[in-house]
PDB file of N, CA and C in Angstrom:
ATOM      1  N   UNK A   1       2.457  24.832  27.681  1.00  0.00           N
ATOM      2  CA  UNK A   1       3.197  23.763  27.027  1.00  0.00           C
ATOM      3  C   UNK A   1       4.650  23.716  27.513  1.00  0.00           C
ATOM      4  N   UNK A   2       5.275  24.889  27.645  1.00  0.00           N
ATOM      5  CA  UNK A   2       6.656  24.909  28.116  1.00  0.00           C
ATOM      6  C   UNK A   2       6.776  24.361  29.524  1.00  0.00           C
ATOM      7  N   UNK A   3       5.758  24.652  30.383  1.00  0.00           N
ATOM      8  CA  UNK A   3       5.777  24.123  31.743  1.00  0.00           C
ATOM      9  C   UNK A   3       5.706  22.601  31.724  1.00  0.00           C
ATOM     10  N   UNK A   4       4.846  22.054  30.888  1.00  0.00           N
ATOM     11  CA  UNK A   4       4.721  20.611  30.763  1.00  0.00           C
ATOM     12  C   UNK A   4       6.027  20.000  30.257  1.00  0.00           C
ATOM     13  N   UNK A   5       6.630  20.644  29.305  1.00  0.00           N
ATOM     14  CA  UNK A   5       7.895  20.130  28.783  1.00  0.00           C
ATOM     15  C   UNK A   5       8.970  20.159  29.858  1.00  0.00           C
ATOM     16  N   UNK A   6       9.015  21.218  30.661  1.00  0.00           N
ATOM     17  CA  UNK A   6      10.007  21.324  31.721  1.00  0.00           C
ATOM     18  C   UNK A   6       9.782  20.251  32.781  1.00  0.00           C
ATOM     19  N   UNK A   7       8.506  19.973  33.109  1.00  0.00           N
ATOM     20  CA  UNK A   7       8.196  18.931  34.081  1.00  0.00           C
ATOM     21  C   UNK A   7       8.702  17.572  33.618  1.00  0.00           C
ATOM     22  N   UNK A   8       8.602  17.315  32.342  1.00  0.00           N
ATOM     23  CA  UNK A   8       9.025  16.028  31.784  1.00  0.00           C
ATOM     24  C   UNK A   8      10.471  16.038  31.303  1.00  0.00           C
ATOM     25  N   UNK A   9      11.151  17.135  31.577  1.00  0.00           N
ATOM     26  CA  UNK A   9      12.557  17.310  31.197  1.00  0.00           C
ATOM     27  C   UNK A   9      12.763  17.220  29.688  1.00  0.00           C
ATOM     28  N   UNK A  10      11.847  17.796  28.940  1.00  0.00           N
ATOM     29  CA  UNK A  10      11.980  17.912  27.492  1.00  0.00           C
ATOM     30  C   UNK A  10      12.247  19.378  27.178  1.00  0.00           C
ATOM     31  N   UNK A  11      13.189  19.612  26.332  1.00  0.00           N
ATOM     32  CA  UNK A  11      13.544  20.977  25.988  1.00  0.00           C
ATOM     33  C   UNK A  11      13.603  21.128  24.474  1.00  0.00           C
ATOM     34  N   UNK A  12      13.112  22.233  24.002  1.00  0.00           N
ATOM     35  CA  UNK A  12      13.209  22.537  22.582  1.00  0.00           C
ATOM     36  C   UNK A  12      14.573  23.143  22.300  1.00  0.00           C
ATOM     37  N   UNK A  13      15.282  22.568  21.392  1.00  0.00           N
ATOM     38  CA  UNK A  13      16.572  23.120  20.981  1.00  0.00           C
ATOM     39  C   UNK A  13      16.454  23.579  19.541  1.00  0.00           C
ATOM     40  N   UNK A  14      16.729  24.826  19.325  1.00  0.00           N
ATOM     41  CA  UNK A  14      16.643  25.378  17.989  1.00  0.00           C
ATOM     42  C   UNK A  14      18.020  25.351  17.341  1.00  0.00           C
ATOM     43  N   UNK A  15      18.075  25.331  16.020  1.00  0.00           N
ATOM     44  CA  UNK A  15      19.384  25.349  15.344  1.00  0.00           C
ATOM     45  C   UNK A  15      20.171  26.587  15.765  1.00  0.00           C
ATOM     46  N   UNK A  16      21.489  26.463  15.840  1.00  0.00           N
ATOM     47  CA  UNK A  16      22.293  27.618  16.241  1.00  0.00           C
ATOM     48  C   UNK A  16      22.240  28.735  15.198  1.00  0.00           C
ATOM     49  N   UNK A  17      22.346  29.932  15.698  1.00  0.00           N
ATOM     50  CA  UNK A  17      22.392  31.107  14.827  1.00  0.00           C
ATOM     51  C   UNK A  17      23.788  31.207  14.220  1.00  0.00           C
ATOM     52  N   UNK A  18      23.973  32.040  13.204  1.00  0.00           N
ATOM     53  CA  UNK A  18      25.326  32.232  12.654  1.00  0.00           C
ATOM     54  C   UNK A  18      26.349  32.669  13.712  1.00  0.00           C
ATOM     55  N   UNK A  19      25.933  33.502  14.642  1.00  0.00           N
ATOM     56  CA  UNK A  19      26.844  33.936  15.705  1.00  0.00           C
ATOM     57  C   UNK A  19      27.222  32.746  16.588  1.00  0.00           C
ATOM     58  N   UNK A  20      26.240  31.918  16.919  1.00  0.00           N
ATOM     59  CA  UNK A  20      26.513  30.732  17.738  1.00  0.00           C
ATOM     60  C   UNK A  20      27.404  29.745  16.988  1.00  0.00           C
ATOM     61  N   UNK A  21      27.174  29.592  15.687  1.00  0.00           N
ATOM     62  CA  UNK A  21      28.045  28.716  14.890  1.00  0.00           C
ATOM     63  C   UNK A  21      29.482  29.221  14.898  1.00  0.00           C
ATOM     64  N   UNK A  22      29.651  30.526  14.786  1.00  0.00           N
ATOM     65  CA  UNK A  22      31.000  31.100  14.832  1.00  0.00           C
ATOM     66  C   UNK A  22      31.657  30.786  16.168  1.00  0.00           C
ATOM     67  N   UNK A  23      30.886  30.852  17.244  1.00  0.00           N
ATOM     68  CA  UNK A  23      31.421  30.525  18.565  1.00  0.00           C
ATOM     69  C   UNK A  23      31.768  29.044  18.672  1.00  0.00           C
ATOM     70  N   UNK A  24      30.950  28.193  18.060  1.00  0.00           N
ATOM     71  CA  UNK A  24      31.217  26.756  18.058  1.00  0.00           C
ATOM     72  C   UNK A  24      32.540  26.464  17.353  1.00  0.00           C
ATOM     73  N   UNK A  25      32.839  27.237  16.336  1.00  0.00           N
ATOM     74  CA  UNK A  25      34.083  27.061  15.584  1.00  0.00           C
ATOM     75  C   UNK A  25      35.267  27.648  16.337  1.00  0.00           C
ATOM     76  N   UNK A  26      35.136  28.876  16.781  1.00  0.00           N
ATOM     77  CA  UNK A  26      36.307  29.601  17.276  1.00  0.00           C
ATOM     78  C   UNK A  26      36.639  29.377  18.751  1.00  0.00           C
ATOM     79  N   UNK A  27      35.647  29.267  19.613  1.00  0.00           N
ATOM     80  CA  UNK A  27      35.922  29.176  21.050  1.00  0.00           C
ATOM     81  C   UNK A  27      36.759  27.943  21.429  1.00  0.00           C
ATOM     82  N   UNK A  28      36.389  26.727  21.004  1.00  0.00           N
ATOM     83  CA  UNK A  28      37.224  25.567  21.357  1.00  0.00           C
ATOM     84  C   UNK A  28      38.628  25.652  20.753  1.00  0.00           C
ATOM     85  N   UNK A  29      38.715  26.168  19.533  1.00  0.00           N
ATOM     86  CA  UNK A  29      40.029  26.302  18.899  1.00  0.00           C
ATOM     87  C   UNK A  29      40.907  27.255  19.702  1.00  0.00           C
ATOM     88  N   UNK A  30      40.332  28.347  20.109  1.00  0.00           N
ATOM     89  CA  UNK A  30      41.085  29.323  20.889  1.00  0.00           C
ATOM     90  C   UNK A  30      41.541  28.718  22.219  1.00  0.00           C
ATOM     91  N   UNK A  31      40.644  27.997  22.883  1.00  0.00           N
ATOM     92  CA  UNK A  31      41.001  27.353  24.159  1.00  0.00           C
ATOM     93  C   UNK A  31      42.122  26.324  23.986  1.00  0.00           C
ATOM     94  N   UNK A  32      42.154  25.667  22.826  1.00  0.00           N
ATOM     95  CA  UNK A  32      43.180  24.647  22.557  1.00  0.00           C
ATOM     96  C   UNK A  32      44.464  25.250  21.991  1.00  0.00           C
ATOM     97  N   UNK A  33      44.484  26.562  21.805  1.00  0.00           N
ATOM     98  CA  UNK A  33      45.684  27.209  21.270  1.00  0.00           C
ATOM     99  C   UNK A  33      45.853  27.013  19.774  1.00  0.00           C
ATOM    100  N   UNK A  34      44.758  26.778  19.073  1.00  0.00           N
ATOM    101  CA  UNK A  34      44.797  26.565  17.630  1.00  0.00           C
ATOM    102  C   UNK A  34      44.490  27.865  16.899  1.00  0.00           C
ATOM    103  N   UNK A  35      45.012  27.941  15.673  1.00  0.00           N
ATOM    104  CA  UNK A  35      44.726  29.086  14.823  1.00  0.00           C
ATOM    105  C   UNK A  35      44.259  28.592  13.468  1.00  0.00           C
ATOM    106  N   UNK A  36      43.371  29.350  12.865  1.00  0.00           N
ATOM    107  CA  UNK A  36      42.888  29.026  11.525  1.00  0.00           C
ATOM    108  C   UNK A  36      43.758  29.739  10.497  1.00  0.00           C
ATOM    109  N   UNK A  37      44.114  28.997   9.469  1.00  0.00           N
ATOM    110  CA  UNK A  37      44.891  29.586   8.385  1.00  0.00           C
ATOM    111  C   UNK A  37      44.076  30.698   7.723  1.00  0.00           C
ATOM    112  N   UNK A  38      44.744  31.783   7.442  1.00  0.00           N
ATOM    113  CA  UNK A  38      44.109  32.928   6.792  1.00  0.00           C
ATOM    114  C   UNK A  38      44.933  33.248   5.545  1.00  0.00           C
ATOM    115  N   UNK A  39      44.378  32.906   4.384  1.00  0.00           N
ATOM    116  CA  UNK A  39      45.089  33.128   3.122  1.00  0.00           C
ATOM    117  C   UNK A  39      44.484  34.325   2.398  1.00  0.00           C
ATOM    118  N   UNK A  40      45.077  34.659   1.272  1.00  0.00           N
ATOM    119  CA  UNK A  40      44.546  35.762   0.465  1.00  0.00           C
ATOM    120  C   UNK A  40      43.114  35.479   0.033  1.00  0.00           C
ATOM    121  N   UNK A  41      42.819  34.218  -0.264  1.00  0.00           N
ATOM    122  CA  UNK A  41      41.492  33.854  -0.764  1.00  0.00           C
ATOM    123  C   UNK A  41      40.433  33.819   0.323  1.00  0.00           C
ATOM    124  N   UNK A  42      40.765  33.243   1.470  1.00  0.00           N
ATOM    125  CA  UNK A  42      39.777  33.165   2.551  1.00  0.00           C
ATOM    126  C   UNK A  42      40.420  32.658   3.831  1.00  0.00           C
ATOM    127  N   UNK A  43      39.724  32.893   4.923  1.00  0.00           N
ATOM    128  CA  UNK A  43      40.132  32.339   6.210  1.00  0.00           C
ATOM    129  C   UNK A  43      39.371  31.036   6.408  1.00  0.00           C
ATOM    130  N   UNK A  44      40.059  30.037   6.927  1.00  0.00           N
ATOM    131  CA  UNK A  44      39.443  28.718   7.072  1.00  0.00           C
ATOM    132  C   UNK A  44      38.212  28.760   7.975  1.00  0.00           C
ATOM    133  N   UNK A  45      38.251  29.516   9.052  1.00  0.00           N
ATOM    134  CA  UNK A  45      37.077  29.581   9.932  1.00  0.00           C
ATOM    135  C   UNK A  45      35.877  30.185   9.208  1.00  0.00           C
ATOM    136  N   UNK A  46      36.119  31.122   8.313  1.00  0.00           N
ATOM    137  CA  UNK A  46      35.013  31.706   7.529  1.00  0.00           C
ATOM    138  C   UNK A  46      34.476  30.683   6.522  1.00  0.00           C
ATOM    139  N   UNK A  47      35.380  29.903   5.934  1.00  0.00           N
ATOM    140  CA  UNK A  47      34.968  28.843   5.013  1.00  0.00           C
ATOM    141  C   UNK A  47      34.079  27.838   5.733  1.00  0.00           C
ATOM    142  N   UNK A  48      34.491  27.419   6.918  1.00  0.00           N
ATOM    143  CA  UNK A  48      33.697  26.476   7.707  1.00  0.00           C
ATOM    144  C   UNK A  48      32.322  27.045   8.021  1.00  0.00           C
ATOM    145  N   UNK A  49      32.279  28.300   8.424  1.00  0.00           N
ATOM    146  CA  UNK A  49      31.011  28.931   8.767  1.00  0.00           C
ATOM    147  C   UNK A  49      30.084  28.992   7.556  1.00  0.00           C
ATOM    148  N   UNK A  50      30.625  29.345   6.404  1.00  0.00           N
ATOM    149  CA  UNK A  50      29.806  29.421   5.191  1.00  0.00           C
ATOM    150  C   UNK A  50      29.259  28.052   4.812  1.00  0.00           C
ATOM    151  N   UNK A  51      30.086  27.019   4.921  1.00  0.00           N
ATOM    152  CA  UNK A  51      29.647  25.692   4.516  1.00  0.00           C
ATOM    153  C   UNK A  51      28.636  25.090   5.485  1.00  0.00           C
ATOM    154  N   UNK A  52      28.829  25.259   6.775  1.00  0.00           N
ATOM    155  CA  UNK A  52      27.880  24.685   7.730  1.00  0.00           C
ATOM    156  C   UNK A  52      26.549  25.426   7.679  1.00  0.00           C
ATOM    157  N   UNK A  53      26.567  26.691   7.312  1.00  0.00           N
ATOM    158  CA  UNK A  53      25.327  27.464   7.216  1.00  0.00           C
ATOM    159  C   UNK A  53      24.433  26.970   6.086  1.00  0.00           C
ATOM    160  N   UNK A  54      25.007  26.274   5.111  1.00  0.00           N
ATOM    161  CA  UNK A  54      24.217  25.785   3.981  1.00  0.00           C
ATOM    162  C   UNK A  54      23.521  24.463   4.282  1.00  0.00           C
ATOM    163  N   UNK A  55      23.900  23.804   5.361  1.00  0.00           N
ATOM    164  CA  UNK A  55      23.319  22.500   5.703  1.00  0.00           C
ATOM    165  C   UNK A  55      22.722  22.591   7.100  1.00  0.00           C
ATOM    166  N   UNK A  56      21.416  22.737   7.167  1.00  0.00           N
ATOM    167  CA  UNK A  56      20.777  22.893   8.470  1.00  0.00           C
ATOM    168  C   UNK A  56      20.683  21.559   9.200  1.00  0.00           C
ATOM    169  N   UNK A  57      20.617  21.646  10.496  1.00  0.00           N
ATOM    170  CA  UNK A  57      20.420  20.474  11.363  1.00  0.00           C
ATOM    171  C   UNK A  57      21.462  19.384  11.139  1.00  0.00           C
ATOM    172  N   UNK A  58      22.697  19.760  10.985  1.00  0.00           N
ATOM    173  CA  UNK A  58      23.741  18.778  10.738  1.00  0.00           C
ATOM    174  C   UNK A  58      24.932  19.000  11.658  1.00  0.00           C
ATOM    175  N   UNK A  59      24.656  19.229  12.932  1.00  0.00           N
ATOM    176  CA  UNK A  59      25.742  19.504  13.874  1.00  0.00           C
ATOM    177  C   UNK A  59      26.649  18.301  14.090  1.00  0.00           C
ATOM    178  N   UNK A  60      26.130  17.093  13.981  1.00  0.00           N
ATOM    179  CA  UNK A  60      26.968  15.906  14.161  1.00  0.00           C
ATOM    180  C   UNK A  60      28.034  15.832  13.069  1.00  0.00           C
ATOM    181  N   UNK A  61      27.651  16.087  11.833  1.00  0.00           N
ATOM    182  CA  UNK A  61      28.623  16.105  10.741  1.00  0.00           C
ATOM    183  C   UNK A  61      29.609  17.251  10.918  1.00  0.00           C
ATOM    184  N   UNK A  62      29.132  18.375  11.382  1.00  0.00           N
ATOM    185  CA  UNK A  62      29.982  19.523  11.642  1.00  0.00           C
ATOM    186  C   UNK A  62      31.027  19.184  12.706  1.00  0.00           C
ATOM    187  N   UNK A  63      30.596  18.540  13.782  1.00  0.00           N
ATOM    188  CA  UNK A  63      31.520  18.133  14.842  1.00  0.00           C
ATOM    189  C   UNK A  63      32.536  17.133  14.313  1.00  0.00           C
ATOM    190  N   UNK A  64      32.086  16.195  13.501  1.00  0.00           N
ATOM    191  CA  UNK A  64      32.989  15.205  12.913  1.00  0.00           C
ATOM    192  C   UNK A  64      34.052  15.896  12.056  1.00  0.00           C
ATOM    193  N   UNK A  65      33.628  16.867  11.262  1.00  0.00           N
ATOM    194  CA  UNK A  65      34.549  17.594  10.395  1.00  0.00           C
ATOM    195  C   UNK A  65      35.571  18.370  11.224  1.00  0.00           C
ATOM    196  N   UNK A  66      35.126  19.044  12.264  1.00  0.00           N
ATOM    197  CA  UNK A  66      36.053  19.794  13.113  1.00  0.00           C
ATOM    198  C   UNK A  66      37.050  18.868  13.805  1.00  0.00           C
ATOM    199  N   UNK A  67      36.593  17.693  14.245  1.00  0.00           N
ATOM    200  CA  UNK A  67      37.492  16.723  14.875  1.00  0.00           C
ATOM    201  C   UNK A  67      38.532  16.224  13.877  1.00  0.00           C
ATOM    202  N   UNK A  68      38.099  15.894  12.661  1.00  0.00           N
ATOM    203  CA  UNK A  68      39.039  15.435  11.626  1.00  0.00           C
ATOM    204  C   UNK A  68      40.041  16.525  11.284  1.00  0.00           C
ATOM    205  N   UNK A  69      39.594  17.757  11.221  1.00  0.00           N
ATOM    206  CA  UNK A  69      40.484  18.882  10.944  1.00  0.00           C
ATOM    207  C   UNK A  69      41.485  19.060  12.082  1.00  0.00           C
ATOM    208  N   UNK A  70      41.029  18.927  13.306  1.00  0.00           N
ATOM    209  CA  UNK A  70      41.918  19.011  14.467  1.00  0.00           C
ATOM    210  C   UNK A  70      43.023  17.952  14.391  1.00  0.00           C
ATOM    211  N   UNK A  71      42.663  16.758  14.008  1.00  0.00           N
ATOM    212  CA  UNK A  71      43.644  15.680  13.911  1.00  0.00           C
ATOM    213  C   UNK A  71      44.684  15.941  12.823  1.00  0.00           C
ATOM    214  N   UNK A  72      44.367  16.806  11.868  1.00  0.00           N
ATOM    215  CA  UNK A  72      45.294  17.137  10.784  1.00  0.00           C
ATOM    216  C   UNK A  72      46.031  18.460  11.029  1.00  0.00           C
ATOM    217  N   UNK A  73      45.914  19.028  12.230  1.00  0.00           N
ATOM    218  CA  UNK A  73      46.593  20.295  12.515  1.00  0.00           C
ATOM    219  C   UNK A  73      48.090  20.135  12.286  1.00  0.00           C
ATOM    220  N   UNK A  74      48.752  21.239  11.950  1.00  0.00           N
ATOM    221  CA  UNK A  74      50.186  21.145  11.701  1.00  0.00           C
ATOM    222  C   UNK A  74      50.978  21.339  12.997  1.00  0.00           C
ATOM    223  N   UNK A  75      52.291  21.264  12.888  1.00  0.00           N
ATOM    224  CA  UNK A  75      53.149  21.322  14.071  1.00  0.00           C
ATOM    225  C   UNK A  75      53.084  22.675  14.787  1.00  0.00           C
ATOM    226  N   UNK A  76      52.602  23.697  14.108  1.00  0.00           N
ATOM    227  CA  UNK A  76      52.455  25.024  14.718  1.00  0.00           C
ATOM    228  C   UNK A  76      51.038  25.279  15.235  1.00  0.00           C
ATOM    229  N   UNK A  77      50.237  24.215  15.323  1.00  0.00           N
ATOM    230  CA  UNK A  77      48.846  24.292  15.776  1.00  0.00           C
ATOM    231  C   UNK A  77      47.965  25.142  14.874  1.00  0.00           C
ATOM    232  N   UNK A  78      48.244  25.071  13.575  1.00  0.00           N
ATOM    233  CA  UNK A  78      47.390  25.735  12.596  1.00  0.00           C
ATOM    234  C   UNK A  78      46.462  24.712  11.951  1.00  0.00           C
ATOM    235  N   UNK A  79      45.220  25.119  11.779  1.00  0.00           N
ATOM    236  CA  UNK A  79      44.255  24.348  11.009  1.00  0.00           C
ATOM    237  C   UNK A  79      44.283  24.960   9.608  1.00  0.00           C
ATOM    238  N   UNK A  80      44.673  24.159   8.613  1.00  0.00           N
ATOM    239  CA  UNK A  80      44.970  24.714   7.299  1.00  0.00           C
ATOM    240  C   UNK A  80      43.929  24.342   6.247  1.00  0.00           C
ATOM    241  N   UNK A  81      43.904  25.151   5.196  1.00  0.00           N
ATOM    242  CA  UNK A  81      43.048  24.873   4.050  1.00  0.00           C
ATOM    243  C   UNK A  81      43.439  23.538   3.416  1.00  0.00           C
ATOM    244  N   UNK A  82      44.758  23.263   3.342  1.00  0.00           N
ATOM    245  CA  UNK A  82      45.223  22.006   2.742  1.00  0.00           C
ATOM    246  C   UNK A  82      44.686  20.803   3.518  1.00  0.00           C
ATOM    247  N   UNK A  83      44.706  20.874   4.849  1.00  0.00           N
ATOM    248  CA  UNK A  83      44.172  19.784   5.669  1.00  0.00           C
ATOM    249  C   UNK A  83      42.668  19.651   5.458  1.00  0.00           C
ATOM    250  N   UNK A  84      42.002  20.770   5.341  1.00  0.00           N
ATOM    251  CA  UNK A  84      40.563  20.769   5.120  1.00  0.00           C
ATOM    252  C   UNK A  84      40.226  20.093   3.794  1.00  0.00           C
ATOM    253  N   UNK A  85      40.989  20.388   2.774  1.00  0.00           N
ATOM    254  CA  UNK A  85      40.783  19.740   1.477  1.00  0.00           C
ATOM    255  C   UNK A  85      41.134  18.250   1.563  1.00  0.00           C
ATOM    256  N   UNK A  86      42.176  17.925   2.320  1.00  0.00           N
ATOM    257  CA  UNK A  86      42.608  16.534   2.461  1.00  0.00           C
ATOM    258  C   UNK A  86      41.530  15.669   3.116  1.00  0.00           C
ATOM    259  N   UNK A  87      40.805  16.221   4.079  1.00  0.00           N
ATOM    260  CA  UNK A  87      39.750  15.434   4.736  1.00  0.00           C
ATOM    261  C   UNK A  87      38.465  15.416   3.925  1.00  0.00           C
ATOM    262  N   UNK A  88      38.420  16.169   2.839  1.00  0.00           N
ATOM    263  CA  UNK A  88      37.245  16.156   1.974  1.00  0.00           C
ATOM    264  C   UNK A  88      36.291  17.316   2.194  1.00  0.00           C
ATOM    265  N   UNK A  89      36.703  18.288   3.010  1.00  0.00           N
ATOM    266  CA  UNK A  89      35.826  19.417   3.281  1.00  0.00           C
ATOM    267  C   UNK A  89      34.638  18.993   4.121  1.00  0.00           C
ATOM    268  N   UNK A  90      33.734  19.918   4.341  1.00  0.00           N
ATOM    269  CA  UNK A  90      32.567  19.644   5.179  1.00  0.00           C
ATOM    270  C   UNK A  90      31.699  18.551   4.570  1.00  0.00           C
ATOM    271  N   UNK A  91      31.446  18.631   3.292  1.00  0.00           N
ATOM    272  CA  UNK A  91      30.564  17.667   2.634  1.00  0.00           C
ATOM    273  C   UNK A  91      31.208  16.282   2.477  1.00  0.00           C
ATOM    274  N   UNK A  92      32.534  16.213   2.412  1.00  0.00           N
ATOM    275  CA  UNK A  92      33.176  14.934   2.132  1.00  0.00           C
ATOM    276  C   UNK A  92      33.933  14.288   3.275  1.00  0.00           C
ATOM    277  N   UNK A  93      33.984  14.939   4.445  1.00  0.00           N
ATOM    278  CA  UNK A  93      34.800  14.421   5.549  1.00  0.00           C
ATOM    279  C   UNK A  93      34.388  13.018   5.989  1.00  0.00           C
ATOM    280  N   UNK A  94      33.109  12.796   6.173  1.00  0.00           N
ATOM    281  CA  UNK A  94      32.636  11.484   6.620  1.00  0.00           C
ATOM    282  C   UNK A  94      32.834  10.433   5.535  1.00  0.00           C
ATOM    283  N   UNK A  95      32.548  10.783   4.298  1.00  0.00           N
ATOM    284  CA  UNK A  95      32.749   9.848   3.182  1.00  0.00           C
ATOM    285  C   UNK A  95      34.228   9.502   3.035  1.00  0.00           C
ATOM    286  N   UNK A  96      35.087  10.486   3.189  1.00  0.00           N
ATOM    287  CA  UNK A  96      36.530  10.253   3.103  1.00  0.00           C
ATOM    288  C   UNK A  96      36.978   9.295   4.209  1.00  0.00           C
ATOM    289  N   UNK A  97      36.498   9.509   5.415  1.00  0.00           N
ATOM    290  CA  UNK A  97      36.827   8.634   6.541  1.00  0.00           C
ATOM    291  C   UNK A  97      36.326   7.217   6.287  1.00  0.00           C
ATOM    292  N   UNK A  98      35.097   7.085   5.805  1.00  0.00           N
ATOM    293  CA  UNK A  98      34.512   5.767   5.535  1.00  0.00           C
ATOM    294  C   UNK A  98      35.318   5.022   4.477  1.00  0.00           C
ATOM    295  N   UNK A  99      35.750   5.725   3.440  1.00  0.00           N
ATOM    296  CA  UNK A  99      36.571   5.092   2.402  1.00  0.00           C
ATOM    297  C   UNK A  99      37.895   4.600   2.967  1.00  0.00           C
ATOM    298  N   UNK A 100      38.541   5.410   3.796  1.00  0.00           N
ATOM    299  CA  UNK A 100      39.795   4.995   4.424  1.00  0.00           C
ATOM    300  C   UNK A 100      39.576   3.776   5.312  1.00  0.00           C
ATOM    301  N   UNK A 101      38.529   3.789   6.105  1.00  0.00           N
ATOM    302  CA  UNK A 101      38.225   2.675   6.997  1.00  0.00           C
ATOM    303  C   UNK A 101      37.942   1.415   6.197  1.00  0.00           C
ATOM    304  N   UNK A 102      37.125   1.541   5.161  1.00  0.00           N
ATOM    305  CA  UNK A 102      36.749   0.390   4.320  1.00  0.00           C
ATOM    306  C   UNK A 102      37.963  -0.201   3.627  1.00  0.00           C
ATOM    307  N   UNK A 103      38.877   0.632   3.175  1.00  0.00           N
ATOM    308  CA  UNK A 103      40.052   0.143   2.461  1.00  0.00           C
ATOM    309  C   UNK A 103      40.992  -0.654   3.362  1.00  0.00           C
ATOM    310  N   UNK A 104      40.873  -0.488   4.675  1.00  0.00           N
ATOM    311  CA  UNK A 104      41.727  -1.221   5.614  1.00  0.00           C
ATOM    312  C   UNK A 104      41.126  -2.559   6.050  1.00  0.00           C
ATOM    313  N   UNK A 105      39.890  -2.812   5.665  1.00  0.00           N
ATOM    314  CA  UNK A 105      39.240  -4.069   6.031  1.00  0.00           C
ATOM    315  C   UNK A 105      39.799  -5.224   5.211  1.00  0.00           C
ATOM    316  N   UNK A 106      39.865  -6.376   5.826  1.00  0.00           N
ATOM    317  CA  UNK A 106      40.262  -7.568   5.104  1.00  0.00           C
ATOM    318  C   UNK A 106      39.015  -8.205   4.500  1.00  0.00           C
ATOM    319  N   UNK A 107      39.209  -9.151   3.588  1.00  0.00           N
ATOM    320  CA  UNK A 107      38.080  -9.801   2.967  1.00  0.00           C
ATOM    321  C   UNK A 107      37.255 -10.590   3.980  1.00  0.00           C
ATOM    322  N   UNK A 108      37.906 -11.125   4.977  1.00  0.00           N
ATOM    323  CA  UNK A 108      37.213 -11.895   5.994  1.00  0.00           C
ATOM    324  C   UNK A 108      36.286 -10.992   6.779  1.00  0.00           C
TER     325      UNK A 108
END
């Protein structure tokens, strides 16, 4: 079956493991010179990892959330808990964006 799939250029992609998710979070941030806020309560990268682990097969929403968080980085290139809350967190980032977009539409 795998040979047939390779011939037809079809590949099985399995959901990322927790280690791979951590790499998805940290590697691009590190390359961009970004740092995750680390407070007494929790580190933002750990919060992201915990939240994405609860929702399987949702990498598109995860990518959207990371992009929105990147856009809210502070002047010191920190990704902060406050920015994460401002975008609505993992579960609310897309809904928050949609509400902002909708509110800018005219009646026409």
